[in-house]
Amino acid sequence: MINMRMRAARAAAVLALAIASASLAVDTTTLPNEQLQSRYEGLTHELRCMQCQNNSIADSPAGLASDLRRQVKEQLMAGKSDDEVRAYMVERYGNVILFTPAMDASSAWVWFLPAIAALAGLVIAIRIVRQRARLVDNDDGPLEPDERAP
């Protein structure tokens, strides 16, 4: 009897947690038509939360992200295009608000630095391997006592 009550209590607790987690969703904004809703969702996933840098404003629970989502909604409802909304956010917060910044002179390093670093690493690795190979080729001296087989 007690075991049955414990199972019922656990099931009720799991159900309560499932309902609570669904009600704590970050963004519950709905727009009047499906096209605006999909544009809203796309934009909110493209824009970075300025408070918690690794989340989009759609996924962030921060108050600033809520304000940014509201601004996106207001601009879409005012008839602005996606590019106009992005331009407004960039003008206000800089290129850092975009997860994928535009290619321009100020952000070129974001695009080229990883490739340059990978090439530099490859060149360094090749030089190290070649230098070690030359050391082995040039080593014709007698073996040290600790290098000889027992």
C-alpha atoms as a PDB file:
ATOM      1  CA  MET A   1       0.000   0.000   0.000  1.00  0.00           C
ATOM      2  CA  ILE A   2       2.794   2.417   0.920  1.00  0.00           C
ATOM      3  CA  ASN A   3       4.732   1.449  -2.209  1.00  0.00           C
ATOM      4  CA  MET A   4       1.661   2.255  -4.327  1.00  0.00           C
ATOM      5  CA  ARG A   5       1.350   5.705  -2.717  1.00  0.00           C
ATOM      6  CA  MET A   6       5.043   6.402  -3.330  1.00  0.00           C
ATOM      7  CA  ARG A   7       4.654   5.544  -7.006  1.00  0.00           C
ATOM      8  CA  ALA A   8       1.611   7.786  -7.304  1.00  0.00           C
ATOM      9  CA  ALA A   9       3.466  10.639  -5.578  1.00  0.00           C
ATOM     10  CA  ARG A  10       6.454  10.218  -7.902  1.00  0.00           C
ATOM     11  CA  ALA A  11       4.222  10.165 -10.969  1.00  0.00           C
ATOM     12  CA  ALA A  12       2.448  13.319  -9.781  1.00  0.00           C
ATOM     13  CA  ALA A  13       5.789  15.042  -9.182  1.00  0.00           C
ATOM     14  CA  VAL A  14       7.069  14.105 -12.651  1.00  0.00           C
ATOM     15  CA  LEU A  15       3.829  15.353 -14.222  1.00  0.00           C
ATOM     16  CA  ALA A  16       4.041  18.629 -12.279  1.00  0.00           C
ATOM     17  CA  LEU A  17       7.650  19.151 -13.402  1.00  0.00           C
ATOM     18  CA  ALA A  18       6.738  18.467 -17.031  1.00  0.00           C
ATOM     19  CA  ILE A  19       3.893  20.982 -16.908  1.00  0.00           C
ATOM     20  CA  ALA A  20       6.073  23.566 -15.135  1.00  0.00           C
ATOM     21  CA  SER A  21       8.920  23.226 -17.635  1.00  0.00           C
ATOM     22  CA  ALA A  22       6.522  23.711 -20.545  1.00  0.00           C
ATOM     23  CA  SER A  23       5.104  26.834 -18.935  1.00  0.00           C
ATOM     24  CA  LEU A  24       8.600  28.299 -18.448  1.00  0.00           C
ATOM     25  CA  ALA A  25       9.373  28.412 -22.177  1.00  0.00           C
ATOM     26  CA  VAL A  26      11.485  31.455 -22.992  1.00  0.00           C
ATOM     27  CA  ASP A  27       9.550  32.880 -25.924  1.00  0.00           C
ATOM     28  CA  THR A  28       5.805  32.418 -26.221  1.00  0.00           C
ATOM     29  CA  THR A  29       5.197  35.266 -28.664  1.00  0.00           C
ATOM     30  CA  THR A  30       2.611  34.620 -31.351  1.00  0.00           C
ATOM     31  CA  LEU A  31       2.043  36.877 -34.324  1.00  0.00           C
ATOM     32  CA  PRO A  32      -1.180  37.244 -36.337  1.00  0.00           C
ATOM     33  CA  ASN A  33      -0.177  35.178 -39.365  1.00  0.00           C
ATOM     34  CA  GLU A  34       2.115  32.261 -40.103  1.00  0.00           C
ATOM     35  CA  GLN A  35       4.474  34.236 -42.378  1.00  0.00           C
ATOM     36  CA  LEU A  36       5.152  36.901 -39.720  1.00  0.00           C
ATOM     37  CA  GLN A  37       5.566  34.182 -37.095  1.00  0.00           C
ATOM     38  CA  SER A  38       8.202  32.338 -39.150  1.00  0.00           C
ATOM     39  CA  ARG A  39      10.049  35.591 -39.920  1.00  0.00           C
ATOM     40  CA  TYR A  40       9.960  36.476 -36.195  1.00  0.00           C
ATOM     41  CA  GLU A  41      11.344  33.080 -35.191  1.00  0.00           C
ATOM     42  CA  GLY A  42      14.070  33.269 -37.834  1.00  0.00           C
ATOM     43  CA  LEU A  43      15.180  36.738 -36.772  1.00  0.00           C
ATOM     44  CA  THR A  44      15.164  35.960 -33.058  1.00  0.00           C
ATOM     45  CA  HIS A  45      17.416  32.957 -33.711  1.00  0.00           C
ATOM     46  CA  GLU A  46      19.828  35.086 -35.785  1.00  0.00           C
ATOM     47  CA  LEU A  47      20.315  37.780 -33.147  1.00  0.00           C
ATOM     48  CA  ARG A  48      22.681  37.296 -30.205  1.00  0.00           C
ATOM     49  CA  CYS A  49      21.663  38.168 -26.665  1.00  0.00           C
ATOM     50  CA  MET A  50      23.957  40.978 -25.568  1.00  0.00           C
ATOM     51  CA  GLN A  51      23.847  39.842 -21.946  1.00  0.00           C
ATOM     52  CA  CYS A  52      24.482  36.099 -22.326  1.00  0.00           C
ATOM     53  CA  GLN A  53      26.645  36.105 -25.471  1.00  0.00           C
ATOM     54  CA  ASN A  54      26.247  32.434 -26.445  1.00  0.00           C
ATOM     55  CA  ASN A  55      22.454  32.435 -26.719  1.00  0.00           C
ATOM     56  CA  SER A  56      20.145  33.835 -29.320  1.00  0.00           C
ATOM     57  CA  ILE A  57      17.487  36.238 -28.084  1.00  0.00           C
ATOM     58  CA  ALA A  58      14.939  33.474 -28.722  1.00  0.00           C
ATOM     59  CA  ASP A  59      16.704  31.141 -26.265  1.00  0.00           C
ATOM     60  CA  SER A  60      17.807  33.634 -23.635  1.00  0.00           C
ATOM     61  CA  PRO A  61      15.820  34.180 -20.430  1.00  0.00           C
ATOM     62  CA  ALA A  62      17.511  37.562 -19.798  1.00  0.00           C
ATOM     63  CA  GLY A  63      15.435  40.701 -19.536  1.00  0.00           C
ATOM     64  CA  LEU A  64      17.414  42.384 -22.309  1.00  0.00           C
ATOM     65  CA  ALA A  65      16.595  39.496 -24.656  1.00  0.00           C
ATOM     66  CA  SER A  66      12.929  39.959 -23.838  1.00  0.00           C
ATOM     67  CA  ASP A  67      13.201  43.634 -24.771  1.00  0.00           C
ATOM     68  CA  LEU A  68      14.969  42.752 -28.023  1.00  0.00           C
ATOM     69  CA  ARG A  69      12.280  40.191 -28.892  1.00  0.00           C
ATOM     70  CA  ARG A  70       9.640  42.854 -28.257  1.00  0.00           C
ATOM     71  CA  GLN A  71      11.497  45.277 -30.556  1.00  0.00           C
ATOM     72  CA  VAL A  72      11.680  42.653 -33.313  1.00  0.00           C
ATOM     73  CA  LYS A  73       7.966  41.983 -32.952  1.00  0.00           C
ATOM     74  CA  GLU A  74       7.102  45.697 -33.062  1.00  0.00           C
ATOM     75  CA  GLN A  75       9.200  46.257 -36.165  1.00  0.00           C
ATOM     76  CA  LEU A  76       7.705  43.275 -37.976  1.00  0.00           C
ATOM     77  CA  MET A  77       4.209  44.429 -37.067  1.00  0.00           C
ATOM     78  CA  ALA A  78       5.139  47.885 -38.443  1.00  0.00           C
ATOM     79  CA  GLY A  79       5.885  46.279 -41.817  1.00  0.00           C
ATOM     80  CA  LYS A  80       9.694  46.369 -41.722  1.00  0.00           C
ATOM     81  CA  SER A  81      11.622  43.821 -43.776  1.00  0.00           C
ATOM     82  CA  ASP A  82      14.058  41.343 -42.210  1.00  0.00           C
ATOM     83  CA  ASP A  83      17.002  43.346 -43.556  1.00  0.00           C
ATOM     84  CA  GLU A  84      15.622  46.541 -42.037  1.00  0.00           C
ATOM     85  CA  VAL A  85      15.223  44.844 -38.643  1.00  0.00           C
ATOM     86  CA  ARG A  86      18.806  43.498 -38.817  1.00  0.00           C
ATOM     87  CA  ALA A  87      20.106  46.930 -39.861  1.00  0.00           C
ATOM     88  CA  TYR A  88      18.300  48.557 -36.925  1.00  0.00           C
ATOM     89  CA  MET A  89      19.792  46.078 -34.464  1.00  0.00           C
ATOM     90  CA  VAL A  90      23.301  46.436 -35.934  1.00  0.00           C
ATOM     91  CA  GLU A  91      23.019  50.225 -35.846  1.00  0.00           C
ATOM     92  CA  ARG A  92      21.998  50.082 -32.214  1.00  0.00           C
ATOM     93  CA  TYR A  93      24.270  47.288 -30.904  1.00  0.00           C
ATOM     94  CA  GLY A  94      26.982  46.793 -33.531  1.00  0.00           C
ATOM     95  CA  ASN A  95      27.900  43.720 -35.588  1.00  0.00           C
ATOM     96  CA  VAL A  96      28.322  41.639 -32.441  1.00  0.00           C
ATOM     97  CA  ILE A  97      24.539  41.206 -32.235  1.00  0.00           C
ATOM     98  CA  LEU A  98      24.576  39.057 -35.373  1.00  0.00           C
ATOM     99  CA  PHE A  99      25.613  35.415 -34.996  1.00  0.00           C
ATOM    100  CA  THR A 100      26.816  35.604 -38.609  1.00  0.00           C
ATOM    101  CA  PRO A 101      28.231  39.103 -39.124  1.00  0.00           C
ATOM    102  CA  ALA A 102      28.284  40.668 -42.559  1.00  0.00           C
ATOM    103  CA  MET A 103      31.517  40.551 -44.522  1.00  0.00           C
ATOM    104  CA  ASP A 104      33.035  44.032 -44.329  1.00  0.00           C
ATOM    105  CA  ALA A 105      36.338  45.630 -43.390  1.00  0.00           C
ATOM    106  CA  SER A 106      35.598  45.697 -39.652  1.00  0.00           C
ATOM    107  CA  SER A 107      34.658  42.007 -39.449  1.00  0.00           C
ATOM    108  CA  ALA A 108      36.990  40.491 -42.047  1.00  0.00           C
ATOM    109  CA  TRP A 109      39.232  39.102 -39.305  1.00  0.00           C
ATOM    110  CA  VAL A 110      36.302  36.967 -38.069  1.00  0.00           C
ATOM    111  CA  TRP A 111      36.203  35.238 -41.445  1.00  0.00           C
ATOM    112  CA  PHE A 112      39.911  35.018 -42.281  1.00  0.00           C
ATOM    113  CA  LEU A 113      41.643  34.483 -38.915  1.00  0.00           C
ATOM    114  CA  PRO A 114      40.580  30.820 -38.504  1.00  0.00           C
ATOM    115  CA  ALA A 115      41.876  29.941 -41.983  1.00  0.00           C
ATOM    116  CA  ILE A 116      45.131  31.815 -41.385  1.00  0.00           C
ATOM    117  CA  ALA A 117      45.608  30.085 -38.021  1.00  0.00           C
ATOM    118  CA  ALA A 118      44.969  26.658 -39.572  1.00  0.00           C
ATOM    119  CA  LEU A 119      47.503  27.318 -42.344  1.00  0.00           C
ATOM    120  CA  ALA A 120      50.067  28.581 -39.842  1.00  0.00           C
ATOM    121  CA  GLY A 121      49.576  25.453 -37.739  1.00  0.00           C
ATOM    122  CA  LEU A 122      50.017  23.248 -40.794  1.00  0.00           C
ATOM    123  CA  VAL A 123      53.242  25.042 -41.819  1.00  0.00           C
ATOM    124  CA  ILE A 124      54.648  24.735 -38.286  1.00  0.00           C
ATOM    125  CA  ALA A 125      53.758  21.031 -38.101  1.00  0.00           C
ATOM    126  CA  ILE A 126      55.441  20.332 -41.473  1.00  0.00           C
ATOM    127  CA  ARG A 127      58.600  22.200 -40.397  1.00  0.00           C
ATOM    128  CA  ILE A 128      58.800  20.243 -37.131  1.00  0.00           C
ATOM    129  CA  VAL A 129      58.386  16.886 -38.885  1.00  0.00           C
ATOM    130  CA  ARG A 130      61.050  17.747 -41.480  1.00  0.00           C
ATOM    131  CA  GLN A 131      63.526  18.949 -38.840  1.00  0.00           C
ATOM    132  CA  ARG A 132      63.097  15.756 -36.819  1.00  0.00           C
ATOM    133  CA  ALA A 133      63.462  13.615 -39.928  1.00  0.00           C
ATOM    134  CA  ARG A 134      66.779  15.386 -40.731  1.00  0.00           C
ATOM    135  CA  LEU A 135      68.008  14.767 -37.178  1.00  0.00           C
ATOM    136  CA  VAL A 136      67.413  11.029 -37.545  1.00  0.00           C
ATOM    137  CA  ASP A 137      69.150  10.958 -40.959  1.00  0.00           C
ATOM    138  CA  ASN A 138      72.200  12.809 -39.600  1.00  0.00           C
ATOM    139  CA  ASP A 139      72.523  10.739 -36.431  1.00  0.00           C
ATOM    140  CA  ASP A 140      75.181   8.106 -37.196  1.00  0.00           C
ATOM    141  CA  GLY A 141      77.016   8.228 -33.880  1.00  0.00           C
ATOM    142  CA  PRO A 142      77.394   5.269 -31.517  1.00  0.00           C
ATOM    143  CA  LEU A 143      74.539   4.389 -29.179  1.00  0.00           C
ATOM    144  CA  GLU A 144      74.684   5.551 -25.613  1.00  0.00           C
ATOM    145  CA  PRO A 145      74.751   2.792 -22.960  1.00  0.00           C
ATOM    146  CA  ASP A 146      71.152   3.447 -21.956  1.00  0.00           C
ATOM    147  CA  GLU A 147      69.996   3.267 -25.639  1.00  0.00           C
ATOM    148  CA  ARG A 148      71.368  -0.254 -26.217  1.00  0.00           C
ATOM    149  CA  ALA A 149      69.051  -3.232 -26.066  1.00  0.00           C
ATOM    150  CA  PRO A 150      69.405  -5.276 -22.806  1.00  0.00           C
END
